[in-house]
Amino acid sequence: MADEDPADALAAVAALRRLADRLEDAAVEQAMRTGWSWPQVAEALGVTRQAVHKKHAKRLIAAGVTLRRRG
């Protein structure tokens, strides 16, 4: 990579981030559609329940996913 143009390397990083985001979105949606809880998803991703909820809840609701309630 040392000989690679920094612009190409940075573009590759940006593309990988977009791909990772799409993969995460799909995996979280699949997990929630199969009944996973926010804490289960958060643990699998290595983040807090609040972080995963903040990032994905609105999109999942818009996609018609029934979200589990606490309690």
PDB file of N, CA and C in Angstrom:
ATOM      1  N   MET A   1       0.810  -1.196   0.000  1.00  0.00           N
ATOM      2  CA  MET A   1       0.000   0.000   0.000  1.00  0.00           C
ATOM      3  C   MET A   1       0.857   1.265   0.000  1.00  0.00           C
ATOM      4  N   ALA A   2       2.127   1.148   0.350  1.00  0.00           N
ATOM      5  CA  ALA A   2       2.997   2.320   0.421  1.00  0.00           C
ATOM      6  C   ALA A   2       3.111   3.027  -0.919  1.00  0.00           C
ATOM      7  N   ASP A   3       3.054   2.282  -2.013  1.00  0.00           N
ATOM      8  CA  ASP A   3       3.169   2.873  -3.346  1.00  0.00           C
ATOM      9  C   ASP A   3       1.823   3.349  -3.895  1.00  0.00           C
ATOM     10  N   GLU A   4       0.761   3.058  -3.189  1.00  0.00           N
ATOM     11  CA  GLU A   4      -0.578   3.390  -3.660  1.00  0.00           C
ATOM     12  C   GLU A   4      -0.856   4.885  -3.465  1.00  0.00           C
ATOM     13  N   ASP A   5      -1.601   5.444  -4.394  1.00  0.00           N
ATOM     14  CA  ASP A   5      -2.019   6.837  -4.304  1.00  0.00           C
ATOM     15  C   ASP A   5      -2.917   6.996  -3.072  1.00  0.00           C
ATOM     16  N   PRO A   6      -2.632   7.964  -2.201  1.00  0.00           N
ATOM     17  CA  PRO A   6      -3.464   8.151  -1.012  1.00  0.00           C
ATOM     18  C   PRO A   6      -4.940   8.347  -1.351  1.00  0.00           C
ATOM     19  N   ALA A   7      -5.239   8.985  -2.453  1.00  0.00           N
ATOM     20  CA  ALA A   7      -6.638   9.185  -2.844  1.00  0.00           C
ATOM     21  C   ALA A   7      -7.324   7.851  -3.098  1.00  0.00           C
ATOM     22  N   ASP A   8      -6.607   6.920  -3.746  1.00  0.00           N
ATOM     23  CA  ASP A   8      -7.179   5.595  -3.990  1.00  0.00           C
ATOM     24  C   ASP A   8      -7.387   4.842  -2.683  1.00  0.00           C
ATOM     25  N   ALA A   9      -6.398   4.929  -1.797  1.00  0.00           N
ATOM     26  CA  ALA A   9      -6.512   4.244  -0.509  1.00  0.00           C
ATOM     27  C   ALA A   9      -7.668   4.803   0.307  1.00  0.00           C
ATOM     28  N   LEU A  10      -7.812   6.109   0.337  1.00  0.00           N
ATOM     29  CA  LEU A  10      -8.903   6.724   1.089  1.00  0.00           C
ATOM     30  C   LEU A  10     -10.260   6.404   0.474  1.00  0.00           C
ATOM     31  N   ALA A  11     -10.333   6.360  -0.832  1.00  0.00           N
ATOM     32  CA  ALA A  11     -11.580   5.974  -1.499  1.00  0.00           C
ATOM     33  C   ALA A  11     -11.949   4.548  -1.144  1.00  0.00           C
ATOM     34  N   ALA A  12     -10.962   3.672  -1.052  1.00  0.00           N
ATOM     35  CA  ALA A  12     -11.219   2.285  -0.673  1.00  0.00           C
ATOM     36  C   ALA A  12     -11.738   2.201   0.758  1.00  0.00           C
ATOM     37  N   VAL A  13     -11.155   2.981   1.651  1.00  0.00           N
ATOM     38  CA  VAL A  13     -11.628   3.009   3.039  1.00  0.00           C
ATOM     39  C   VAL A  13     -13.081   3.477   3.092  1.00  0.00           C
ATOM     40  N   ALA A  14     -13.398   4.536   2.366  1.00  0.00           N
ATOM     41  CA  ALA A  14     -14.771   5.049   2.345  1.00  0.00           C
ATOM     42  C   ALA A  14     -15.736   4.002   1.794  1.00  0.00           C
ATOM     43  N   ALA A  15     -15.339   3.294   0.751  1.00  0.00           N
ATOM     44  CA  ALA A  15     -16.188   2.254   0.168  1.00  0.00           C
ATOM     45  C   ALA A  15     -16.408   1.119   1.163  1.00  0.00           C
ATOM     46  N   LEU A  16     -15.357   0.743   1.875  1.00  0.00           N
ATOM     47  CA  LEU A  16     -15.495  -0.319   2.877  1.00  0.00           C
ATOM     48  C   LEU A  16     -16.418   0.101   4.010  1.00  0.00           C
ATOM     49  N   ARG A  17     -16.341   1.357   4.421  1.00  0.00           N
ATOM     50  CA  ARG A  17     -17.244   1.846   5.471  1.00  0.00           C
ATOM     51  C   ARG A  17     -18.697   1.795   5.012  1.00  0.00           C
ATOM     52  N   ARG A  18     -18.941   2.209   3.763  1.00  0.00           N
ATOM     53  CA  ARG A  18     -20.319   2.147   3.245  1.00  0.00           C
ATOM     54  C   ARG A  18     -20.809   0.710   3.205  1.00  0.00           C
ATOM     55  N   LEU A  19     -19.953  -0.202   2.757  1.00  0.00           N
ATOM     56  CA  LEU A  19     -20.322  -1.617   2.715  1.00  0.00           C
ATOM     57  C   LEU A  19     -20.592  -2.147   4.118  1.00  0.00           C
ATOM     58  N   ALA A  20     -19.728  -1.813   5.066  1.00  0.00           N
ATOM     59  CA  ALA A  20     -19.913  -2.265   6.447  1.00  0.00           C
ATOM     60  C   ALA A  20     -21.232  -1.736   7.011  1.00  0.00           C
ATOM     61  N   ASP A  21     -21.574  -0.485   6.724  1.00  0.00           N
ATOM     62  CA  ASP A  21     -22.846   0.081   7.186  1.00  0.00           C
ATOM     63  C   ASP A  21     -24.036  -0.670   6.597  1.00  0.00           C
ATOM     64  N   ARG A  22     -23.967  -0.980   5.307  1.00  0.00           N
ATOM     65  CA  ARG A  22     -25.074  -1.725   4.677  1.00  0.00           C
ATOM     66  C   ARG A  22     -25.196  -3.126   5.256  1.00  0.00           C
ATOM     67  N   LEU A  23     -24.061  -3.779   5.496  1.00  0.00           N
ATOM     68  CA  LEU A  23     -24.089  -5.113   6.093  1.00  0.00           C
ATOM     69  C   LEU A  23     -24.662  -5.065   7.501  1.00  0.00           C
ATOM     70  N   GLU A  24     -24.254  -4.052   8.275  1.00  0.00           N
ATOM     71  CA  GLU A  24     -24.791  -3.902   9.634  1.00  0.00           C
ATOM     72  C   GLU A  24     -26.294  -3.664   9.595  1.00  0.00           C
ATOM     73  N   ASP A  25     -26.741  -2.761   8.723  1.00  0.00           N
ATOM     74  CA  ASP A  25     -28.177  -2.484   8.609  1.00  0.00           C
ATOM     75  C   ASP A  25     -28.954  -3.764   8.323  1.00  0.00           C
ATOM     76  N   ALA A  26     -28.491  -4.544   7.376  1.00  0.00           N
ATOM     77  CA  ALA A  26     -29.188  -5.778   7.007  1.00  0.00           C
ATOM     78  C   ALA A  26     -29.166  -6.793   8.137  1.00  0.00           C
ATOM     79  N   ALA A  27     -28.039  -6.937   8.809  1.00  0.00           N
ATOM     80  CA  ALA A  27     -27.923  -7.914   9.892  1.00  0.00           C
ATOM     81  C   ALA A  27     -28.786  -7.516  11.091  1.00  0.00           C
ATOM     82  N   VAL A  28     -28.800  -6.228  11.419  1.00  0.00           N
ATOM     83  CA  VAL A  28     -29.626  -5.758  12.536  1.00  0.00           C
ATOM     84  C   VAL A  28     -31.107  -5.957  12.200  1.00  0.00           C
ATOM     85  N   GLU A  29     -31.481  -5.626  10.975  1.00  0.00           N
ATOM     86  CA  GLU A  29     -32.885  -5.819  10.587  1.00  0.00           C
ATOM     87  C   GLU A  29     -33.273  -7.295  10.655  1.00  0.00           C
ATOM     88  N   GLN A  30     -32.423  -8.164  10.162  1.00  0.00           N
ATOM     89  CA  GLN A  30     -32.717  -9.595  10.219  1.00  0.00           C
ATOM     90  C   GLN A  30     -32.843 -10.063  11.668  1.00  0.00           C
ATOM     91  N   ALA A  31     -31.927  -9.626  12.512  1.00  0.00           N
ATOM     92  CA  ALA A  31     -31.971 -10.023  13.918  1.00  0.00           C
ATOM     93  C   ALA A  31     -33.267  -9.551  14.577  1.00  0.00           C
ATOM     94  N   MET A  32     -33.637  -8.303  14.340  1.00  0.00           N
ATOM     95  CA  MET A  32     -34.845  -7.769  14.971  1.00  0.00           C
ATOM     96  C   MET A  32     -36.105  -8.440  14.415  1.00  0.00           C
ATOM     97  N   ARG A  33     -36.113  -8.769  13.139  1.00  0.00           N
ATOM     98  CA  ARG A  33     -37.273  -9.462  12.563  1.00  0.00           C
ATOM     99  C   ARG A  33     -37.421 -10.881  13.122  1.00  0.00           C
ATOM    100  N   THR A  34     -36.327 -11.464  13.584  1.00  0.00           N
ATOM    101  CA  THR A  34     -36.398 -12.823  14.146  1.00  0.00           C
ATOM    102  C   THR A  34     -36.527 -12.813  15.662  1.00  0.00           C
ATOM    103  N   GLY A  35     -36.764 -11.623  16.238  1.00  0.00           N
ATOM    104  CA  GLY A  35     -37.075 -11.552  17.656  1.00  0.00           C
ATOM    105  C   GLY A  35     -35.935 -11.226  18.599  1.00  0.00           C
ATOM    106  N   TRP A  36     -34.803 -10.860  18.066  1.00  0.00           N
ATOM    107  CA  TRP A  36     -33.708 -10.476  18.958  1.00  0.00           C
ATOM    108  C   TRP A  36     -34.080  -9.196  19.699  1.00  0.00           C
ATOM    109  N   SER A  37     -33.502  -9.038  20.885  1.00  0.00           N
ATOM    110  CA  SER A  37     -33.701  -7.822  21.675  1.00  0.00           C
ATOM    111  C   SER A  37     -32.577  -6.839  21.372  1.00  0.00           C
ATOM    112  N   TRP A  38     -32.805  -5.586  21.749  1.00  0.00           N
ATOM    113  CA  TRP A  38     -31.757  -4.576  21.583  1.00  0.00           C
ATOM    114  C   TRP A  38     -30.471  -4.974  22.309  1.00  0.00           C
ATOM    115  N   PRO A  39     -30.556  -5.472  23.557  1.00  0.00           N
ATOM    116  CA  PRO A  39     -29.316  -5.873  24.232  1.00  0.00           C
ATOM    117  C   PRO A  39     -28.571  -7.001  23.509  1.00  0.00           C
ATOM    118  N   GLN A  40     -29.299  -7.939  22.912  1.00  0.00           N
ATOM    119  CA  GLN A  40     -28.643  -9.015  22.160  1.00  0.00           C
ATOM    120  C   GLN A  40     -27.901  -8.463  20.942  1.00  0.00           C
ATOM    121  N   VAL A  41     -28.550  -7.578  20.204  1.00  0.00           N
ATOM    122  CA  VAL A  41     -27.932  -6.986  19.022  1.00  0.00           C
ATOM    123  C   VAL A  41     -26.719  -6.158  19.439  1.00  0.00           C
ATOM    124  N   ALA A  42     -26.895  -5.368  20.492  1.00  0.00           N
ATOM    125  CA  ALA A  42     -25.802  -4.518  20.970  1.00  0.00           C
ATOM    126  C   ALA A  42     -24.595  -5.357  21.371  1.00  0.00           C
ATOM    127  N   GLU A  43     -24.829  -6.443  22.095  1.00  0.00           N
ATOM    128  CA  GLU A  43     -23.723  -7.297  22.521  1.00  0.00           C
ATOM    129  C   GLU A  43     -23.003  -7.893  21.320  1.00  0.00           C
ATOM    130  N   ALA A  44     -23.764  -8.336  20.331  1.00  0.00           N
ATOM    131  CA  ALA A  44     -23.158  -8.926  19.135  1.00  0.00           C
ATOM    132  C   ALA A  44     -22.307  -7.917  18.369  1.00  0.00           C
ATOM    133  N   LEU A  45     -22.709  -6.643  18.405  1.00  0.00           N
ATOM    134  CA  LEU A  45     -21.975  -5.597  17.697  1.00  0.00           C
ATOM    135  C   LEU A  45     -20.877  -4.963  18.555  1.00  0.00           C
ATOM    136  N   GLY A  46     -20.904  -5.255  19.851  1.00  0.00           N
ATOM    137  CA  GLY A  46     -19.897  -4.669  20.735  1.00  0.00           C
ATOM    138  C   GLY A  46     -20.141  -3.205  21.046  1.00  0.00           C
ATOM    139  N   VAL A  47     -21.423  -2.832  21.090  1.00  0.00           N
ATOM    140  CA  VAL A  47     -21.801  -1.453  21.417  1.00  0.00           C
ATOM    141  C   VAL A  47     -22.872  -1.493  22.498  1.00  0.00           C
ATOM    142  N   THR A  48     -23.300  -0.329  22.955  1.00  0.00           N
ATOM    143  CA  THR A  48     -24.355  -0.280  23.961  1.00  0.00           C
ATOM    144  C   THR A  48     -25.728  -0.447  23.308  1.00  0.00           C
ATOM    145  N   ARG A  49     -26.689  -0.821  24.118  1.00  0.00           N
ATOM    146  CA  ARG A  49     -28.066  -0.950  23.646  1.00  0.00           C
ATOM    147  C   ARG A  49     -28.559   0.407  23.147  1.00  0.00           C
ATOM    148  N   GLN A  50     -28.195   1.449  23.868  1.00  0.00           N
ATOM    149  CA  GLN A  50     -28.628   2.790  23.481  1.00  0.00           C
ATOM    150  C   GLN A  50     -28.045   3.178  22.118  1.00  0.00           C
ATOM    151  N   ALA A  51     -26.798   2.832  21.881  1.00  0.00           N
ATOM    152  CA  ALA A  51     -26.154   3.188  20.608  1.00  0.00           C
ATOM    153  C   ALA A  51     -26.814   2.486  19.437  1.00  0.00           C
ATOM    154  N   VAL A  52     -27.088   1.202  19.597  1.00  0.00           N
ATOM    155  CA  VAL A  52     -27.698   0.457  18.490  1.00  0.00           C
ATOM    156  C   VAL A  52     -29.135   0.920  18.262  1.00  0.00           C
ATOM    157  N   HIS A  53     -29.843   1.230  19.332  1.00  0.00           N
ATOM    158  CA  HIS A  53     -31.214   1.717  19.207  1.00  0.00           C
ATOM    159  C   HIS A  53     -31.230   3.066  18.490  1.00  0.00           C
ATOM    160  N   LYS A  54     -30.348   3.976  18.898  1.00  0.00           N
ATOM    161  CA  LYS A  54     -30.286   5.300  18.283  1.00  0.00           C
ATOM    162  C   LYS A  54     -29.963   5.215  16.796  1.00  0.00           C
ATOM    163  N   LYS A  55     -29.054   4.302  16.438  1.00  0.00           N
ATOM    164  CA  LYS A  55     -28.623   4.185  15.050  1.00  0.00           C
ATOM    165  C   LYS A  55     -29.667   3.525  14.159  1.00  0.00           C
ATOM    166  N   HIS A  56     -30.439   2.582  14.685  1.00  0.00           N
ATOM    167  CA  HIS A  56     -31.266   1.748  13.814  1.00  0.00           C
ATOM    168  C   HIS A  56     -32.774   1.846  14.020  1.00  0.00           C
ATOM    169  N   ALA A  57     -33.251   2.332  15.148  1.00  0.00           N
ATOM    170  CA  ALA A  57     -34.685   2.256  15.461  1.00  0.00           C
ATOM    171  C   ALA A  57     -35.572   2.929  14.419  1.00  0.00           C
ATOM    172  N   LYS A  58     -35.274   4.166  14.059  1.00  0.00           N
ATOM    173  CA  LYS A  58     -36.139   4.879  13.111  1.00  0.00           C
ATOM    174  C   LYS A  58     -36.208   4.165  11.764  1.00  0.00           C
ATOM    175  N   ARG A  59     -35.058   3.685  11.292  1.00  0.00           N
ATOM    176  CA  ARG A  59     -35.021   2.988  10.005  1.00  0.00           C
ATOM    177  C   ARG A  59     -35.828   1.695  10.071  1.00  0.00           C
ATOM    178  N   LEU A  60     -35.710   0.977  11.178  1.00  0.00           N
ATOM    179  CA  LEU A  60     -36.436  -0.286  11.320  1.00  0.00           C
ATOM    180  C   LEU A  60     -37.941  -0.047  11.392  1.00  0.00           C
ATOM    181  N   ILE A  61     -38.343   0.968  12.118  1.00  0.00           N
ATOM    182  CA  ILE A  61     -39.774   1.300  12.203  1.00  0.00           C
ATOM    183  C   ILE A  61     -40.303   1.664  10.825  1.00  0.00           C
ATOM    184  N   ALA A  62     -39.543   2.462  10.089  1.00  0.00           N
ATOM    185  CA  ALA A  62     -39.953   2.849   8.733  1.00  0.00           C
ATOM    186  C   ALA A  62     -40.037   1.642   7.809  1.00  0.00           C
ATOM    187  N   ALA A  63     -39.231   0.613   8.085  1.00  0.00           N
ATOM    188  CA  ALA A  63     -39.237  -0.607   7.272  1.00  0.00           C
ATOM    189  C   ALA A  63     -40.334  -1.571   7.710  1.00  0.00           C
ATOM    190  N   GLY A  64     -41.100  -1.190   8.737  1.00  0.00           N
ATOM    191  CA  GLY A  64     -42.208  -2.029   9.181  1.00  0.00           C
ATOM    192  C   GLY A  64     -41.816  -3.158  10.124  1.00  0.00           C
ATOM    193  N   VAL A  65     -40.632  -3.041  10.725  1.00  0.00           N
ATOM    194  CA  VAL A  65     -40.171  -4.068  11.670  1.00  0.00           C
ATOM    195  C   VAL A  65     -40.845  -3.832  13.006  1.00  0.00           C
ATOM    196  N   THR A  66     -41.433  -4.864  13.581  1.00  0.00           N
ATOM    197  CA  THR A  66     -42.010  -4.783  14.909  1.00  0.00           C
ATOM    198  C   THR A  66     -40.898  -4.929  15.922  1.00  0.00           C
ATOM    199  N   LEU A  67     -40.706  -3.885  16.722  1.00  0.00           N
ATOM    200  CA  LEU A  67     -39.618  -3.861  17.684  1.00  0.00           C
ATOM    201  C   LEU A  67     -40.104  -4.350  19.032  1.00  0.00           C
ATOM    202  N   ARG A  68     -39.252  -5.089  19.716  1.00  0.00           N
ATOM    203  CA  ARG A  68     -39.569  -5.572  21.051  1.00  0.00           C
ATOM    204  C   ARG A  68     -39.516  -4.425  22.049  1.00  0.00           C
ATOM    205  N   ARG A  69     -40.441  -4.465  22.966  1.00  0.00           N
ATOM    206  CA  ARG A  69     -40.467  -3.465  24.040  1.00  0.00           C
ATOM    207  C   ARG A  69     -39.787  -4.060  25.269  1.00  0.00           C
ATOM    208  N   ARG A  70     -39.221  -3.170  26.068  1.00  0.00           N
ATOM    209  CA  ARG A  70     -38.615  -3.621  27.332  1.00  0.00           C
ATOM    210  C   ARG A  70     -39.720  -3.991  28.299  1.00  0.00           C
ATOM    211  N   GLY A  71     -39.371  -4.933  29.182  1.00  0.00           N
ATOM    212  CA  GLY A  71     -40.302  -5.265  30.246  1.00  0.00           C
ATOM    213  C   GLY A  71     -41.059  -6.434  29.954  1.00  0.00           C
TER     214      GLY A  71
END
